[in-house]
């Protein structure tokens, strides 16, 4: 029997389709690495993004209303009406790797435009000298 392709799609492919079909900007979050960490390291990373000031207050890097969704999912995306809103949230919530305590704190995030291009990613795209 011949193998028939079912046309599988990656998260990127699906988000491109959504961006194009709905004329929106999609913030894509790839948090798969977090799910490979030990329980202690997960708590450290989560607390970094929560950035607790004391028992009553926190300086949320990822907003309080979204942080649990981001850390529960391996892949997640948010839809925005404007490129500026998508890029601003991506920049605010997901620092670039060189600005983090270590590589385990890095959460890959990027924005997809309706034409399928990526106007912003938090990955360092410049090669080291």
Protein backbone atom coordinates (compact mmCIF):
# COMPACT_ATOMS: atom_id res chain seq x y z
CA UNK A 1 0.00 0.00 0.00
CA UNK A 2 1.34 3.42 -0.94
CA UNK A 3 1.98 5.97 1.79
CA UNK A 4 -0.27 8.99 1.39
CA UNK A 5 0.84 12.27 2.92
CA UNK A 6 -1.73 13.89 5.17
CA UNK A 7 0.04 17.25 4.75
CA UNK A 8 1.21 17.72 8.33
CA UNK A 9 1.79 21.29 9.46
CA UNK A 10 4.19 22.76 11.97
CA UNK A 11 3.16 25.41 14.50
CA UNK A 12 4.76 27.97 12.17
CA UNK A 13 2.70 26.71 9.19
CA UNK A 14 -0.56 26.84 11.16
CA UNK A 15 0.17 30.31 12.53
CA UNK A 16 1.04 31.56 9.04
CA UNK A 17 -2.29 30.28 7.83
CA UNK A 18 -4.14 32.01 10.69
CA UNK A 19 -2.23 35.27 10.14
CA UNK A 20 -3.02 35.25 6.43
CA UNK A 21 -6.64 34.08 6.60
CA UNK A 22 -7.61 36.41 9.45
CA UNK A 23 -5.28 39.29 8.49
CA UNK A 24 -3.74 39.34 11.98
CA UNK A 25 -0.30 39.21 13.60
CA UNK A 26 0.53 36.07 15.54
CA UNK A 27 2.90 35.91 18.49
CA UNK A 28 4.27 32.35 18.56
CA UNK A 29 5.79 30.98 21.77
CA UNK A 30 7.92 27.82 21.75
CA UNK A 31 8.35 26.75 25.37
CA UNK A 32 9.25 23.09 24.75
CA UNK A 33 12.65 23.40 26.43
CA UNK A 34 11.07 24.40 29.75
CA UNK A 35 9.25 21.05 29.87
CA UNK A 36 12.58 19.17 29.81
CA UNK A 37 13.89 20.89 32.95
CA UNK A 38 14.01 19.52 36.49
CA UNK A 39 11.30 20.63 38.92
CA UNK A 40 13.75 22.92 40.74
CA UNK A 41 14.91 24.57 37.51
CA UNK A 42 11.30 24.99 36.34
CA UNK A 43 10.50 26.81 39.60
CA UNK A 44 13.55 29.05 39.13
CA UNK A 45 12.57 29.94 35.56
CA UNK A 46 8.91 30.52 36.46
CA UNK A 47 9.94 32.79 39.34
CA UNK A 48 12.23 34.75 37.03
CA UNK A 49 9.29 35.59 34.74
CA UNK A 50 7.08 36.28 37.74
CA UNK A 51 9.91 38.34 39.32
CA UNK A 52 8.55 38.34 42.88
CA UNK A 53 9.24 41.51 44.83
CA UNK A 54 7.89 40.14 48.11
CA UNK A 55 5.06 37.88 49.30
CA UNK A 56 2.36 40.33 48.22
CA UNK A 57 3.72 41.87 45.01
CA UNK A 58 5.44 40.80 41.81
CA UNK A 59 6.95 42.64 38.87
CA UNK A 60 5.45 40.37 36.20
CA UNK A 61 7.57 40.00 33.06
CA UNK A 62 4.86 37.79 31.58
CA UNK A 63 1.53 39.24 32.78
CA UNK A 64 -0.09 37.48 35.72
CA UNK A 65 -3.16 36.62 33.63
CA UNK A 66 -1.02 34.83 31.01
CA UNK A 67 1.91 33.30 32.88
CA UNK A 68 0.28 29.98 33.74
CA UNK A 69 -0.88 29.44 30.14
CA UNK A 70 2.64 30.15 28.85
CA UNK A 71 4.26 27.66 31.23
CA UNK A 72 1.62 24.94 30.89
CA UNK A 73 1.88 24.77 27.08
CA UNK A 74 4.81 23.63 24.99
CA UNK A 75 3.63 25.71 22.03
CA UNK A 76 1.26 28.63 22.32
CA UNK A 77 0.23 31.59 20.22
CA UNK A 78 -1.59 34.89 20.65
CA UNK A 79 -3.39 36.83 17.92
CA UNK A 80 -3.12 40.63 17.63
CA UNK A 81 -4.78 43.13 15.31
CA UNK A 82 -1.58 45.15 14.79
CA UNK A 83 2.07 44.37 14.21
CA UNK A 84 3.07 46.91 16.85
CA UNK A 85 0.99 45.23 19.57
CA UNK A 86 2.35 41.78 18.70
CA UNK A 87 5.99 42.94 18.61
CA UNK A 88 5.62 45.00 21.81
CA UNK A 89 4.23 42.02 23.71
CA UNK A 90 6.89 39.71 22.31
CA UNK A 91 9.65 42.14 23.38
CA UNK A 92 8.14 42.79 26.80
CA UNK A 93 7.37 39.18 27.74
CA UNK A 94 10.31 37.30 26.20
CA UNK A 95 13.80 38.76 26.68
CA UNK A 96 16.61 37.88 24.33
CA UNK A 97 18.91 35.09 25.52
CA UNK A 98 21.87 37.38 26.19
CA UNK A 99 19.72 39.30 28.72
CA UNK A 100 18.83 36.20 30.77
CA UNK A 101 20.59 34.48 33.70
CA UNK A 102 21.25 31.33 31.63
CA UNK A 103 20.08 29.48 28.52
CA UNK A 104 17.40 27.57 30.45
CA UNK A 105 15.54 30.85 31.05
CA UNK A 106 15.20 31.46 27.29
CA UNK A 107 11.73 31.06 25.78
CA UNK A 108 11.73 31.32 22.00
CA UNK A 109 9.13 33.76 20.66
CA UNK A 110 8.49 35.46 17.31
CA UNK A 111 5.81 37.36 15.42
CA UNK A 112 4.31 36.29 12.08
CA UNK A 113 2.75 38.88 9.75
CA UNK A 114 -0.18 38.12 7.42
CA UNK A 115 2.30 37.74 4.52
CA UNK A 116 4.16 35.00 6.46
CA UNK A 117 7.28 37.02 7.23
CA UNK A 118 8.73 37.39 10.72
CA UNK A 119 9.27 41.05 11.68
CA UNK A 120 10.64 40.20 15.14
CA UNK A 121 12.17 37.25 16.99
CA UNK A 122 13.83 37.22 20.37
CA UNK A 123 16.51 34.84 19.08
CA UNK A 124 19.88 36.43 18.51
CA UNK A 125 20.12 36.24 14.73
CA UNK A 126 23.61 37.76 14.46
CA UNK A 127 26.52 35.38 14.30
CA UNK A 128 29.15 35.78 17.03
CA UNK A 129 32.38 37.44 15.89
